[in-house]
N, C-alpha and C. Protein backbone atom coordinates (compact mmCIF):
# COMPACT_ATOMS: atom_id res chain seq x y z
N MET A 1 36.54 81.91 2.96
CA MET A 1 36.31 83.17 3.66
C MET A 1 37.47 83.43 4.60
N LEU A 2 37.98 84.62 4.57
CA LEU A 2 39.05 85.03 5.47
C LEU A 2 38.43 85.41 6.80
N THR A 3 38.73 84.66 7.84
CA THR A 3 38.11 84.88 9.14
C THR A 3 39.16 85.34 10.12
N VAL A 4 39.16 86.63 10.43
CA VAL A 4 40.19 87.20 11.27
C VAL A 4 40.16 86.63 12.67
N GLY A 5 38.97 86.38 13.20
CA GLY A 5 38.86 85.94 14.59
C GLY A 5 39.67 84.70 14.90
N ILE A 6 39.81 83.78 13.94
CA ILE A 6 40.57 82.57 14.19
C ILE A 6 41.82 82.50 13.31
N HIS A 7 42.13 83.59 12.64
CA HIS A 7 43.35 83.70 11.86
C HIS A 7 43.54 82.54 10.89
N CYS A 8 42.54 82.29 10.10
CA CYS A 8 42.68 81.20 9.14
C CYS A 8 41.81 81.47 7.93
N TYR A 9 42.05 80.69 6.89
CA TYR A 9 41.21 80.72 5.71
C TYR A 9 40.25 79.52 5.77
N ARG A 10 38.99 79.76 5.45
CA ARG A 10 38.04 78.67 5.37
C ARG A 10 37.44 78.68 3.98
N GLN A 11 37.62 77.62 3.25
CA GLN A 11 37.09 77.53 1.90
C GLN A 11 35.61 77.20 1.92
N ILE A 12 34.82 78.01 1.26
CA ILE A 12 33.41 77.70 1.11
C ILE A 12 33.28 76.69 -0.01
N MET A 13 32.77 75.51 0.30
CA MET A 13 32.70 74.45 -0.68
C MET A 13 31.85 74.86 -1.87
N ASP A 14 32.37 74.62 -3.07
CA ASP A 14 31.67 74.94 -4.31
C ASP A 14 31.34 76.42 -4.44
N GLY A 15 32.10 77.26 -3.78
CA GLY A 15 31.85 78.69 -3.86
C GLY A 15 33.15 79.45 -3.71
N PRO A 16 33.08 80.76 -3.80
CA PRO A 16 34.29 81.58 -3.73
C PRO A 16 34.85 81.67 -2.32
N ASP A 17 36.12 81.97 -2.23
CA ASP A 17 36.78 82.20 -0.95
C ASP A 17 36.65 83.70 -0.66
N PHE A 18 35.53 84.09 -0.07
CA PHE A 18 35.22 85.51 0.10
C PHE A 18 36.26 86.24 0.94
N PRO A 19 36.67 87.44 0.51
CA PRO A 19 37.64 88.23 1.29
C PRO A 19 36.94 89.02 2.40
N ILE A 20 36.42 88.30 3.38
CA ILE A 20 35.73 88.94 4.50
C ILE A 20 36.70 89.02 5.68
N LEU A 21 37.04 90.22 6.10
CA LEU A 21 37.98 90.38 7.21
C LEU A 21 37.31 90.09 8.54
N GLY A 22 36.05 90.42 8.67
CA GLY A 22 35.33 90.13 9.90
C GLY A 22 35.49 91.14 11.00
N THR A 23 36.31 92.16 10.78
CA THR A 23 36.57 93.17 11.81
C THR A 23 36.20 94.58 11.35
N GLU A 24 35.80 94.73 10.11
CA GLU A 24 35.63 96.06 9.52
C GLU A 24 34.16 96.47 9.44
N PRO A 25 33.90 97.78 9.36
CA PRO A 25 32.53 98.25 9.14
C PRO A 25 31.94 97.65 7.86
N ILE A 26 30.63 97.52 7.82
CA ILE A 26 29.98 96.85 6.70
C ILE A 26 30.28 97.52 5.36
N ALA A 27 30.43 98.84 5.32
CA ALA A 27 30.73 99.51 4.05
C ALA A 27 32.10 99.11 3.53
N VAL A 28 33.06 98.90 4.42
CA VAL A 28 34.40 98.48 4.02
C VAL A 28 34.37 97.04 3.51
N GLU A 29 33.70 96.16 4.23
CA GLU A 29 33.58 94.77 3.79
C GLU A 29 32.90 94.71 2.42
N PHE A 30 31.88 95.53 2.23
CA PHE A 30 31.14 95.58 0.97
C PHE A 30 32.06 96.02 -0.17
N ALA A 31 32.81 97.09 0.04
CA ALA A 31 33.74 97.57 -0.99
C ALA A 31 34.79 96.53 -1.32
N ASN A 32 35.22 95.77 -0.32
CA ASN A 32 36.28 94.78 -0.52
C ASN A 32 35.86 93.60 -1.37
N THR A 33 34.57 93.50 -1.71
CA THR A 33 34.15 92.42 -2.61
C THR A 33 34.62 92.68 -4.03
N ARG A 34 35.07 93.89 -4.31
CA ARG A 34 35.73 94.16 -5.59
C ARG A 34 37.22 94.02 -5.31
N TYR A 35 37.72 92.82 -5.49
CA TYR A 35 39.03 92.46 -4.97
C TYR A 35 40.05 92.26 -6.09
N GLY A 36 41.28 92.64 -5.81
CA GLY A 36 42.37 92.38 -6.74
C GLY A 36 42.81 93.61 -7.50
N ILE A 37 43.87 93.43 -8.27
CA ILE A 37 44.50 94.53 -9.00
C ILE A 37 44.65 94.13 -10.46
N GLY A 38 44.27 95.03 -11.36
CA GLY A 38 44.47 94.81 -12.79
C GLY A 38 43.76 93.57 -13.30
N ASP A 39 44.50 92.74 -14.04
CA ASP A 39 43.92 91.55 -14.64
C ASP A 39 43.52 90.50 -13.60
N GLU A 40 44.01 90.65 -12.38
CA GLU A 40 43.71 89.68 -11.32
C GLU A 40 42.45 90.03 -10.55
N ARG A 41 41.73 91.06 -10.98
CA ARG A 41 40.56 91.51 -10.22
C ARG A 41 39.44 90.48 -10.28
N ILE A 42 38.80 90.28 -9.13
CA ILE A 42 37.68 89.35 -9.01
C ILE A 42 36.50 90.10 -8.42
N ASP A 43 35.32 89.88 -8.99
CA ASP A 43 34.10 90.47 -8.45
C ASP A 43 33.41 89.40 -7.61
N PHE A 44 33.51 89.54 -6.29
CA PHE A 44 32.91 88.55 -5.40
C PHE A 44 31.40 88.74 -5.22
N LEU A 45 30.84 89.69 -5.94
CA LEU A 45 29.38 89.82 -6.04
C LEU A 45 28.97 89.64 -7.50
N GLY A 46 29.72 88.84 -8.21
CA GLY A 46 29.56 88.71 -9.66
C GLY A 46 28.35 87.91 -10.10
N THR A 47 27.75 87.14 -9.21
CA THR A 47 26.57 86.36 -9.56
C THR A 47 25.53 86.51 -8.45
N ALA A 48 24.29 86.18 -8.79
CA ALA A 48 23.22 86.25 -7.78
C ALA A 48 23.52 85.31 -6.62
N ARG A 49 24.06 84.15 -6.92
CA ARG A 49 24.37 83.18 -5.86
C ARG A 49 25.44 83.72 -4.93
N TRP A 50 26.48 84.31 -5.49
CA TRP A 50 27.55 84.86 -4.64
C TRP A 50 27.02 86.00 -3.77
N ILE A 51 26.14 86.83 -4.34
CA ILE A 51 25.55 87.92 -3.56
C ILE A 51 24.80 87.35 -2.36
N GLU A 52 23.98 86.33 -2.60
CA GLU A 52 23.22 85.72 -1.51
C GLU A 52 24.16 85.13 -0.46
N GLU A 53 25.20 84.44 -0.89
CA GLU A 53 26.13 83.82 0.05
C GLU A 53 26.87 84.87 0.87
N TRP A 54 27.31 85.93 0.20
CA TRP A 54 28.06 86.97 0.91
C TRP A 54 27.19 87.63 1.97
N PHE A 55 25.97 88.01 1.61
CA PHE A 55 25.10 88.66 2.59
C PHE A 55 24.71 87.71 3.72
N THR A 56 24.58 86.43 3.43
CA THR A 56 24.31 85.46 4.49
C THR A 56 25.44 85.44 5.51
N LEU A 57 26.66 85.57 5.03
CA LEU A 57 27.83 85.52 5.91
C LEU A 57 27.98 86.78 6.76
N VAL A 58 27.61 87.93 6.23
CA VAL A 58 27.90 89.19 6.95
C VAL A 58 26.70 89.79 7.68
N SER A 59 25.50 89.39 7.33
CA SER A 59 24.32 90.09 7.85
C SER A 59 24.19 90.04 9.36
N ALA A 60 24.35 88.86 9.95
CA ALA A 60 24.18 88.74 11.40
C ALA A 60 25.25 89.52 12.15
N ARG A 61 26.49 89.43 11.70
CA ARG A 61 27.58 90.13 12.37
C ARG A 61 27.36 91.64 12.38
N HIS A 62 26.82 92.16 11.30
CA HIS A 62 26.66 93.61 11.17
C HIS A 62 25.24 94.09 11.47
N GLY A 63 24.38 93.19 11.89
CA GLY A 63 23.03 93.59 12.26
C GLY A 63 22.22 94.16 11.12
N LEU A 64 22.43 93.65 9.92
CA LEU A 64 21.67 94.15 8.78
C LEU A 64 20.22 93.69 8.88
N PRO A 65 19.28 94.52 8.43
CA PRO A 65 17.88 94.13 8.50
C PRO A 65 17.60 92.93 7.60
N PRO A 66 16.65 92.08 7.97
CA PRO A 66 16.34 90.91 7.14
C PRO A 66 15.74 91.32 5.81
N SER A 67 16.02 90.50 4.80
CA SER A 67 15.47 90.75 3.46
C SER A 67 14.88 89.45 2.97
N ASP A 68 13.56 89.31 3.09
CA ASP A 68 12.90 88.04 2.75
C ASP A 68 13.09 87.66 1.29
N GLU A 69 13.13 88.67 0.42
CA GLU A 69 13.27 88.36 -1.00
C GLU A 69 14.73 88.13 -1.40
N GLY A 70 15.66 88.37 -0.49
CA GLY A 70 17.07 88.19 -0.79
C GLY A 70 17.62 89.32 -1.64
N LEU A 71 18.94 89.38 -1.72
CA LEU A 71 19.60 90.43 -2.50
C LEU A 71 20.00 89.95 -3.89
N GLY A 72 20.01 88.63 -4.10
CA GLY A 72 20.46 88.10 -5.38
C GLY A 72 19.57 88.50 -6.54
N GLY A 73 18.30 88.80 -6.26
CA GLY A 73 17.40 89.23 -7.32
C GLY A 73 17.55 90.68 -7.70
N ASP A 74 18.46 91.36 -7.03
CA ASP A 74 18.68 92.79 -7.28
C ASP A 74 20.15 93.03 -7.63
N GLU A 75 20.69 92.14 -8.48
CA GLU A 75 22.13 92.13 -8.76
C GLU A 75 22.67 93.48 -9.20
N ALA A 76 22.02 94.08 -10.19
CA ALA A 76 22.55 95.31 -10.77
C ALA A 76 22.63 96.42 -9.73
N ARG A 77 21.60 96.54 -8.90
CA ARG A 77 21.60 97.61 -7.90
C ARG A 77 22.65 97.34 -6.83
N VAL A 78 22.82 96.09 -6.44
CA VAL A 78 23.82 95.74 -5.44
C VAL A 78 25.22 96.09 -5.94
N ARG A 79 25.54 95.65 -7.15
CA ARG A 79 26.88 95.91 -7.68
C ARG A 79 27.11 97.39 -7.95
N ALA A 80 26.08 98.10 -8.39
CA ALA A 80 26.23 99.53 -8.64
C ALA A 80 26.55 100.28 -7.35
N LEU A 81 25.86 99.92 -6.26
CA LEU A 81 26.17 100.58 -4.99
C LEU A 81 27.54 100.16 -4.49
N ARG A 82 27.89 98.89 -4.66
CA ARG A 82 29.22 98.44 -4.24
C ARG A 82 30.32 99.23 -4.95
N ASP A 83 30.17 99.41 -6.25
CA ASP A 83 31.17 100.18 -7.00
C ASP A 83 31.23 101.62 -6.53
N ALA A 84 30.07 102.20 -6.20
CA ALA A 84 30.04 103.58 -5.71
C ALA A 84 30.71 103.69 -4.35
N VAL A 85 30.42 102.76 -3.45
CA VAL A 85 31.05 102.77 -2.13
C VAL A 85 32.56 102.57 -2.26
N HIS A 86 32.97 101.68 -3.13
CA HIS A 86 34.40 101.45 -3.37
C HIS A 86 35.07 102.73 -3.85
N ASN A 87 34.42 103.43 -4.77
CA ASN A 87 34.98 104.67 -5.30
C ASN A 87 35.11 105.74 -4.22
N VAL A 88 34.08 105.87 -3.38
CA VAL A 88 34.09 106.89 -2.33
C VAL A 88 35.16 106.57 -1.28
N LEU A 89 35.24 105.33 -0.83
CA LEU A 89 36.23 104.98 0.19
C LEU A 89 37.65 105.06 -0.37
N SER A 90 37.84 104.64 -1.61
CA SER A 90 39.16 104.74 -2.24
C SER A 90 39.61 106.19 -2.35
N ALA A 91 38.68 107.06 -2.72
CA ALA A 91 39.01 108.48 -2.82
C ALA A 91 39.42 109.04 -1.46
N ALA A 92 38.72 108.63 -0.41
CA ALA A 92 39.08 109.09 0.93
C ALA A 92 40.48 108.63 1.32
N ILE A 93 40.82 107.40 0.98
CA ILE A 93 42.15 106.87 1.29
C ILE A 93 43.23 107.62 0.52
N ASP A 94 42.96 107.91 -0.75
CA ASP A 94 43.95 108.53 -1.63
C ASP A 94 43.96 110.05 -1.56
N GLY A 95 43.09 110.63 -0.74
CA GLY A 95 43.04 112.08 -0.63
C GLY A 95 42.52 112.75 -1.88
N GLN A 96 41.63 112.07 -2.60
CA GLN A 96 41.07 112.60 -3.83
C GLN A 96 39.57 112.84 -3.68
N VAL A 97 38.97 113.39 -4.71
CA VAL A 97 37.52 113.63 -4.73
C VAL A 97 36.86 112.47 -5.48
N PRO A 98 35.87 111.81 -4.89
CA PRO A 98 35.22 110.70 -5.59
C PRO A 98 34.41 111.19 -6.78
N GLU A 99 34.05 110.27 -7.63
CA GLU A 99 33.22 110.61 -8.79
C GLU A 99 31.86 111.11 -8.32
N THR A 100 31.35 112.11 -9.02
CA THR A 100 30.05 112.68 -8.65
C THR A 100 28.96 111.62 -8.69
N GLY A 101 29.00 110.77 -9.69
CA GLY A 101 27.99 109.72 -9.80
C GLY A 101 28.02 108.76 -8.63
N ALA A 102 29.23 108.48 -8.12
CA ALA A 102 29.35 107.59 -6.97
C ALA A 102 28.74 108.22 -5.73
N VAL A 103 29.03 109.50 -5.52
CA VAL A 103 28.45 110.21 -4.37
C VAL A 103 26.93 110.24 -4.48
N ASP A 104 26.42 110.52 -5.67
CA ASP A 104 24.97 110.58 -5.88
C ASP A 104 24.32 109.22 -5.58
N ARG A 105 24.97 108.16 -6.01
CA ARG A 105 24.38 106.83 -5.81
C ARG A 105 24.35 106.47 -4.32
N VAL A 106 25.42 106.79 -3.61
CA VAL A 106 25.44 106.53 -2.17
C VAL A 106 24.35 107.34 -1.47
N ASN A 107 24.23 108.61 -1.82
CA ASN A 107 23.21 109.46 -1.21
C ASN A 107 21.80 108.96 -1.51
N THR A 108 21.58 108.52 -2.74
CA THR A 108 20.26 108.02 -3.12
C THR A 108 19.89 106.77 -2.33
N ALA A 109 20.86 105.87 -2.17
CA ALA A 109 20.59 104.64 -1.41
C ALA A 109 20.31 104.94 0.05
N ALA A 110 21.05 105.89 0.63
CA ALA A 110 20.84 106.25 2.03
C ALA A 110 19.48 106.93 2.22
N ALA A 111 19.11 107.80 1.29
CA ALA A 111 17.85 108.53 1.40
C ALA A 111 16.64 107.62 1.24
N ALA A 112 16.81 106.52 0.51
CA ALA A 112 15.70 105.60 0.27
C ALA A 112 15.38 104.74 1.49
N ALA A 113 16.26 104.76 2.48
CA ALA A 113 16.07 103.90 3.65
C ALA A 113 16.34 104.66 4.94
N PRO A 114 15.53 105.67 5.24
CA PRO A 114 15.75 106.43 6.48
C PRO A 114 15.51 105.57 7.72
N THR A 115 16.13 105.97 8.81
CA THR A 115 15.94 105.29 10.09
C THR A 115 15.50 106.30 11.14
N HIS A 116 15.03 105.80 12.25
CA HIS A 116 14.69 106.70 13.36
C HIS A 116 15.12 106.04 14.67
N PRO A 117 15.40 106.84 15.69
CA PRO A 117 15.86 106.25 16.95
C PRO A 117 14.69 105.68 17.76
N ARG A 118 14.97 104.65 18.52
CA ARG A 118 13.99 104.07 19.44
C ARG A 118 14.65 103.97 20.81
N LEU A 119 13.97 104.45 21.81
CA LEU A 119 14.48 104.40 23.18
C LEU A 119 13.95 103.16 23.88
N ASP A 120 14.86 102.37 24.44
CA ASP A 120 14.50 101.25 25.29
C ASP A 120 15.08 101.50 26.68
N TRP A 121 14.28 101.22 27.70
CA TRP A 121 14.74 101.49 29.07
C TRP A 121 14.42 100.25 29.91
N THR A 122 15.46 99.45 30.10
CA THR A 122 15.28 98.24 30.89
C THR A 122 16.35 98.17 31.96
N ALA A 123 15.99 97.61 33.11
CA ALA A 123 16.92 97.44 34.23
C ALA A 123 17.61 98.75 34.59
N GLY A 124 16.86 99.85 34.45
CA GLY A 124 17.40 101.14 34.85
C GLY A 124 18.43 101.73 33.92
N SER A 125 18.59 101.13 32.74
CA SER A 125 19.62 101.60 31.81
C SER A 125 19.00 101.93 30.46
N PRO A 126 19.02 103.19 30.05
CA PRO A 126 18.45 103.55 28.75
C PRO A 126 19.39 103.21 27.60
N THR A 127 18.85 102.70 26.53
CA THR A 127 19.62 102.43 25.32
C THR A 127 18.84 102.92 24.11
N ALA A 128 19.58 103.29 23.07
CA ALA A 128 18.96 103.76 21.84
C ALA A 128 19.27 102.78 20.71
N HIS A 129 18.31 102.54 19.87
CA HIS A 129 18.47 101.69 18.70
C HIS A 129 17.97 102.44 17.48
N ARG A 130 18.57 102.15 16.33
CA ARG A 130 18.10 102.74 15.08
C ARG A 130 17.17 101.74 14.40
N LEU A 131 15.99 102.18 14.08
CA LEU A 131 15.02 101.33 13.40
C LEU A 131 14.85 101.77 11.95
N ASP A 132 14.75 100.79 11.07
CA ASP A 132 14.55 101.08 9.65
C ASP A 132 13.09 101.37 9.37
N THR A 133 12.85 102.33 8.50
CA THR A 133 11.48 102.66 8.11
C THR A 133 11.08 101.93 6.83
N THR A 134 12.02 101.22 6.24
CA THR A 134 11.74 100.42 5.04
C THR A 134 12.21 99.00 5.32
N GLY A 135 12.06 98.13 4.34
CA GLY A 135 12.49 96.75 4.50
C GLY A 135 13.14 96.23 3.24
N GLY A 136 13.49 94.96 3.25
CA GLY A 136 14.05 94.30 2.09
C GLY A 136 15.40 94.85 1.67
N SER A 137 15.70 94.72 0.38
CA SER A 137 17.00 95.13 -0.13
C SER A 137 17.22 96.63 0.02
N THR A 138 16.15 97.41 -0.04
CA THR A 138 16.29 98.86 0.11
C THR A 138 16.85 99.21 1.48
N ALA A 139 16.35 98.54 2.52
CA ALA A 139 16.85 98.80 3.87
C ALA A 139 18.29 98.35 4.03
N VAL A 140 18.62 97.18 3.47
CA VAL A 140 19.99 96.66 3.59
C VAL A 140 20.98 97.59 2.90
N LEU A 141 20.69 97.95 1.67
CA LEU A 141 21.61 98.81 0.92
C LEU A 141 21.66 100.21 1.52
N GLY A 142 20.54 100.68 2.05
CA GLY A 142 20.54 101.98 2.72
C GLY A 142 21.43 101.99 3.94
N ARG A 143 21.41 100.89 4.70
CA ARG A 143 22.27 100.79 5.88
C ARG A 143 23.75 100.85 5.48
N ILE A 144 24.10 100.17 4.39
CA ILE A 144 25.49 100.17 3.92
C ILE A 144 25.89 101.57 3.45
N ALA A 145 25.00 102.22 2.71
CA ALA A 145 25.29 103.57 2.21
C ALA A 145 25.48 104.54 3.37
N THR A 146 24.64 104.43 4.39
CA THR A 146 24.77 105.30 5.56
C THR A 146 26.10 105.08 6.27
N CYS A 147 26.51 103.82 6.37
CA CYS A 147 27.81 103.51 6.97
C CYS A 147 28.94 104.15 6.17
N CYS A 148 28.84 104.10 4.85
CA CYS A 148 29.86 104.72 3.99
C CYS A 148 29.97 106.21 4.26
N ILE A 149 28.81 106.87 4.35
CA ILE A 149 28.81 108.32 4.62
C ILE A 149 29.44 108.61 5.98
N ASP A 150 29.08 107.82 6.99
CA ASP A 150 29.66 108.01 8.32
C ASP A 150 31.18 107.86 8.29
N LEU A 151 31.66 106.87 7.55
CA LEU A 151 33.10 106.60 7.52
C LEU A 151 33.91 107.75 6.95
N VAL A 152 33.39 108.39 5.92
CA VAL A 152 34.19 109.43 5.26
C VAL A 152 33.93 110.83 5.81
N THR A 153 32.98 110.96 6.73
CA THR A 153 32.69 112.29 7.28
C THR A 153 33.04 112.41 8.76
N ARG A 154 33.37 111.31 9.38
CA ARG A 154 33.75 111.32 10.79
C ARG A 154 35.25 111.07 10.90
N PRO A 155 35.81 111.09 12.10
CA PRO A 155 37.26 110.88 12.25
C PRO A 155 37.79 109.61 11.62
N HIS A 156 36.90 108.62 11.38
CA HIS A 156 37.35 107.38 10.74
C HIS A 156 38.04 107.65 9.41
N SER A 157 37.63 108.70 8.70
CA SER A 157 38.15 108.92 7.35
C SER A 157 39.66 109.07 7.34
N SER A 158 40.22 109.58 8.42
CA SER A 158 41.67 109.79 8.46
C SER A 158 42.43 108.50 8.72
N ILE A 159 41.71 107.43 9.11
CA ILE A 159 42.40 106.17 9.39
C ILE A 159 41.93 105.05 8.47
N LEU A 160 41.24 105.39 7.39
CA LEU A 160 40.95 104.41 6.36
C LEU A 160 42.25 104.11 5.63
N ARG A 161 42.54 102.86 5.42
CA ARG A 161 43.79 102.46 4.79
C ARG A 161 43.56 101.36 3.77
N ARG A 162 44.55 101.20 2.88
CA ARG A 162 44.60 100.08 1.96
C ARG A 162 45.75 99.18 2.40
N CYS A 163 45.59 97.89 2.28
CA CYS A 163 46.59 96.94 2.75
C CYS A 163 47.97 97.26 2.19
N GLY A 164 48.99 97.13 3.04
CA GLY A 164 50.36 97.45 2.64
C GLY A 164 51.01 96.39 1.78
N SER A 165 50.37 95.24 1.62
CA SER A 165 50.92 94.21 0.74
C SER A 165 50.66 94.60 -0.71
N PRO A 166 51.69 94.59 -1.57
CA PRO A 166 51.52 95.06 -2.94
C PRO A 166 50.53 94.25 -3.76
N ASP A 167 50.25 93.01 -3.36
CA ASP A 167 49.33 92.19 -4.14
C ASP A 167 47.96 92.07 -3.48
N CYS A 168 47.67 92.95 -2.53
CA CYS A 168 46.37 92.93 -1.85
C CYS A 168 45.71 94.30 -1.96
N SER A 169 44.43 94.30 -2.26
CA SER A 169 43.71 95.57 -2.45
C SER A 169 42.70 95.85 -1.34
N LEU A 170 42.67 95.03 -0.30
CA LEU A 170 41.65 95.20 0.74
C LEU A 170 41.85 96.49 1.52
N MET A 171 40.73 97.11 1.86
CA MET A 171 40.74 98.31 2.69
C MET A 171 40.40 97.93 4.12
N PHE A 172 40.81 98.78 5.06
CA PHE A 172 40.49 98.54 6.46
C PHE A 172 40.55 99.85 7.22
N VAL A 173 39.97 99.85 8.42
CA VAL A 173 40.07 100.98 9.33
C VAL A 173 41.24 100.70 10.27
N GLN A 174 42.23 101.57 10.25
CA GLN A 174 43.44 101.36 11.05
C GLN A 174 43.12 101.57 12.53
N ASN A 175 43.04 100.47 13.28
CA ASN A 175 42.64 100.55 14.67
C ASN A 175 43.80 100.75 15.63
N HIS A 176 45.01 100.72 15.12
CA HIS A 176 46.16 101.16 15.91
C HIS A 176 47.24 101.66 14.96
N SER A 177 48.10 102.53 15.44
CA SER A 177 48.99 103.30 14.57
C SER A 177 49.98 102.45 13.79
N ARG A 178 50.30 101.26 14.27
CA ARG A 178 51.31 100.43 13.61
C ARG A 178 50.72 99.45 12.61
N ARG A 179 49.43 99.41 12.52
CA ARG A 179 48.81 98.45 11.60
C ARG A 179 48.99 98.90 10.16
N ARG A 180 49.58 98.04 9.34
CA ARG A 180 49.81 98.35 7.93
C ARG A 180 49.11 97.37 6.99
N TYR A 181 48.66 96.27 7.52
CA TYR A 181 48.09 95.23 6.68
C TYR A 181 46.66 94.93 7.10
N CYS A 182 45.88 94.42 6.14
CA CYS A 182 44.49 94.11 6.43
C CYS A 182 44.36 92.95 7.39
N HIS A 183 45.34 92.04 7.37
CA HIS A 183 45.24 90.80 8.13
C HIS A 183 46.66 90.26 8.39
N PRO A 184 46.90 89.57 9.49
CA PRO A 184 48.23 89.03 9.76
C PRO A 184 48.78 88.15 8.64
N SER A 185 47.91 87.46 7.91
CA SER A 185 48.40 86.61 6.82
C SER A 185 49.07 87.44 5.74
N CYS A 186 48.56 88.63 5.46
CA CYS A 186 49.19 89.51 4.47
C CYS A 186 50.53 90.01 4.98
N ALA A 187 50.60 90.35 6.26
CA ALA A 187 51.87 90.81 6.84
C ALA A 187 52.91 89.71 6.74
N HIS A 188 52.53 88.48 7.05
CA HIS A 188 53.46 87.36 7.01
C HIS A 188 53.93 87.10 5.59
N ARG A 189 53.01 87.11 4.64
CA ARG A 189 53.37 86.87 3.24
C ARG A 189 54.30 87.95 2.71
N ASP A 190 54.05 89.20 3.09
CA ASP A 190 54.90 90.30 2.63
C ASP A 190 56.29 90.20 3.23
N ARG A 191 56.38 89.83 4.51
CA ARG A 191 57.71 89.64 5.14
C ARG A 191 58.47 88.52 4.45
N GLN A 192 57.79 87.44 4.14
CA GLN A 192 58.45 86.33 3.44
C GLN A 192 58.96 86.77 2.08
N ALA A 193 58.16 87.54 1.35
CA ALA A 193 58.57 88.00 0.02
C ALA A 193 59.78 88.91 0.11
N ARG A 194 59.81 89.81 1.09
CA ARG A 194 60.96 90.71 1.24
C ARG A 194 62.20 89.94 1.67
N TYR A 195 62.03 88.94 2.53
CA TYR A 195 63.15 88.10 2.95
C TYR A 195 63.73 87.36 1.75
N TYR A 196 62.84 86.81 0.92
CA TYR A 196 63.28 86.08 -0.26
C TYR A 196 64.03 87.00 -1.22
N ARG A 197 63.51 88.22 -1.42
CA ARG A 197 64.17 89.16 -2.34
C ARG A 197 65.55 89.55 -1.83
N ARG A 198 65.67 89.78 -0.53
CA ARG A 198 66.98 90.14 0.03
C ARG A 198 67.99 89.02 -0.16
N HIS A 199 67.59 87.81 0.12
CA HIS A 199 68.51 86.68 0.02
C HIS A 199 68.82 86.34 -1.43
N LEU A 200 67.85 86.52 -2.32
CA LEU A 200 68.11 86.29 -3.74
C LEU A 200 69.10 87.32 -4.27
N LYS A 201 68.95 88.57 -3.83
CA LYS A 201 69.86 89.63 -4.25
C LYS A 201 71.26 89.35 -3.74
N GLY A 202 71.36 88.87 -2.48
CA GLY A 202 72.67 88.57 -1.91
C GLY A 202 73.35 87.41 -2.62
N ALA A 203 72.56 86.43 -3.06
CA ALA A 203 73.12 85.26 -3.71
C ALA A 203 73.61 85.56 -5.12
N THR A 204 73.02 86.58 -5.76
CA THR A 204 73.38 86.89 -7.14
C THR A 204 74.37 88.04 -7.25
N SER A 205 74.69 88.69 -6.11
CA SER A 205 75.60 89.83 -6.18
C SER A 205 77.06 89.39 -6.07
């Protein structure tokens, strides 16, 4: 798992090295499970076990509602929504129109899991929380779909980016104007590659 907070890679024993940035909205992290380019593409939600492991890693950080039955038993629906979210976010980055089917799937998932606000007032300070009206996988996927809609309809949409490293497909929300890479490790690897190309060109010219 790619853990931005400590700037390192941690290998999950007997499992995939999930491309989790740890700093991005849940819809972006979800889309990033379809990782890679061309023949190198990997589906990090490709099995029920991987789905369970991925949601275990991200649920607490993103405050996803609990799902007692787990998400691994709903593989097809999970991957279908992931592909739809990926299509919608990619279209926003590329300035294109997403596929109609992708938009419909995101809307359907969001509509199946409505939320309502709850007011809490403690220590003289009012706070609002969103409560789910459903549970299980429907609530989890609905929360992700709602996040996707928020990302492409609010100012965030103008700062959605794809990593500047040519061999990385991860998306991220650009939190400062100079950020070009999803993670410092990608920036370092790209600088090394450009340095190597320059010196190789100089040695052969």
